[in-house]
Protein backbone atom coordinates (compact mmCIF):
# COMPACT_ATOMS: atom_id res chain seq x y z
CA MET A 1 -98.93 30.65 169.47
CA ALA A 2 -99.73 26.97 169.62
CA THR A 3 -97.24 24.70 167.86
CA TYR A 4 -98.68 21.36 166.81
CA GLU A 5 -96.28 18.43 166.45
CA CYS A 6 -96.73 14.94 165.03
CA SER A 7 -95.69 12.26 167.51
CA SER A 8 -94.87 9.85 164.65
CA CYS A 9 -92.63 11.85 162.32
CA GLY A 10 -91.85 15.08 164.21
CA MET A 11 -93.46 17.41 161.64
CA SER A 12 -94.60 20.65 163.30
CA VAL A 13 -96.85 23.50 162.20
CA ASN A 14 -97.87 26.96 163.36
CA ALA A 15 -101.03 28.61 162.04
CA THR A 16 -102.51 32.09 161.80
CA CYS A 17 -106.00 33.41 161.02
CA GLY A 18 -106.45 34.21 157.34
CA HIS A 19 -108.76 37.10 158.22
CA CYS A 20 -106.63 39.04 160.72
CA ASP A 21 -103.27 37.18 160.74
CA ALA A 22 -103.50 36.55 164.52
CA PRO A 23 -101.82 33.35 165.73
CA LEU A 24 -104.30 30.53 166.29
CA VAL A 25 -104.47 29.25 169.86
CA ASN A 26 -105.15 25.76 171.15
CA ALA A 27 -108.64 25.07 172.51
CA VAL A 28 -110.95 22.16 173.26
CA LEU A 29 -114.48 21.87 171.88
CA THR A 30 -116.94 19.77 173.90
CA ARG A 31 -119.56 17.94 171.84
CA ASP A 32 -123.16 17.37 172.97
CA ASP A 33 -122.29 13.77 173.91
CA GLY A 34 -119.50 14.99 176.24
CA SER A 35 -116.61 13.94 174.00
CA THR A 36 -113.95 16.51 173.23
CA VAL A 37 -112.13 17.62 170.08
CA GLN A 38 -108.88 19.59 170.00
CA VAL A 39 -109.26 22.72 167.85
CA SER A 40 -107.28 25.81 166.88
CA GLN A 41 -109.11 29.11 167.19
CA CYS A 42 -108.57 32.75 166.34
CA SER A 43 -107.99 34.84 169.46
CA ASN A 44 -110.08 37.60 167.79
CA ASP A 45 -113.15 35.33 167.49
CA HIS A 46 -112.98 34.84 163.71
CA GLY A 47 -113.65 31.11 164.13
CA LYS A 48 -111.98 27.78 164.78
CA ILE A 49 -110.73 24.80 162.84
CA LYS A 50 -110.10 21.16 163.66
CA SER A 51 -106.50 20.83 164.75
CA PRO A 52 -104.11 19.59 162.04
CA LEU A 53 -103.57 15.94 161.14
CA CYS A 54 -100.33 14.18 160.18
CA CYS A 55 -99.53 10.49 159.65
CA GLY A 56 -103.27 9.77 160.04
CA ALA A 57 -103.59 11.19 163.56
CA ASP A 58 -104.26 14.51 165.28
CA MET A 59 -101.13 16.54 165.85
CA ALA A 60 -100.63 17.27 169.55
CA CYS A 61 -100.13 20.67 171.09
CA SER A 62 -98.42 21.20 174.39
CA LEU A 63 -99.24 24.42 176.16
CA ALA A 64 -96.64 26.27 178.15
């Protein structure tokens, strides 16, 4: 499971899919213009969400 942590205050969060309760995993979405957005997605293909925000910035996720 991806753990997202705020670099400013240290808050961290884990998330699961509301449909199947599977842990969300970190992923990167590439936009048409080539820019990227960090997202969290269901490993069972139930969708994805924008990664969480804290202190006005995206929370980072480090993958092991």
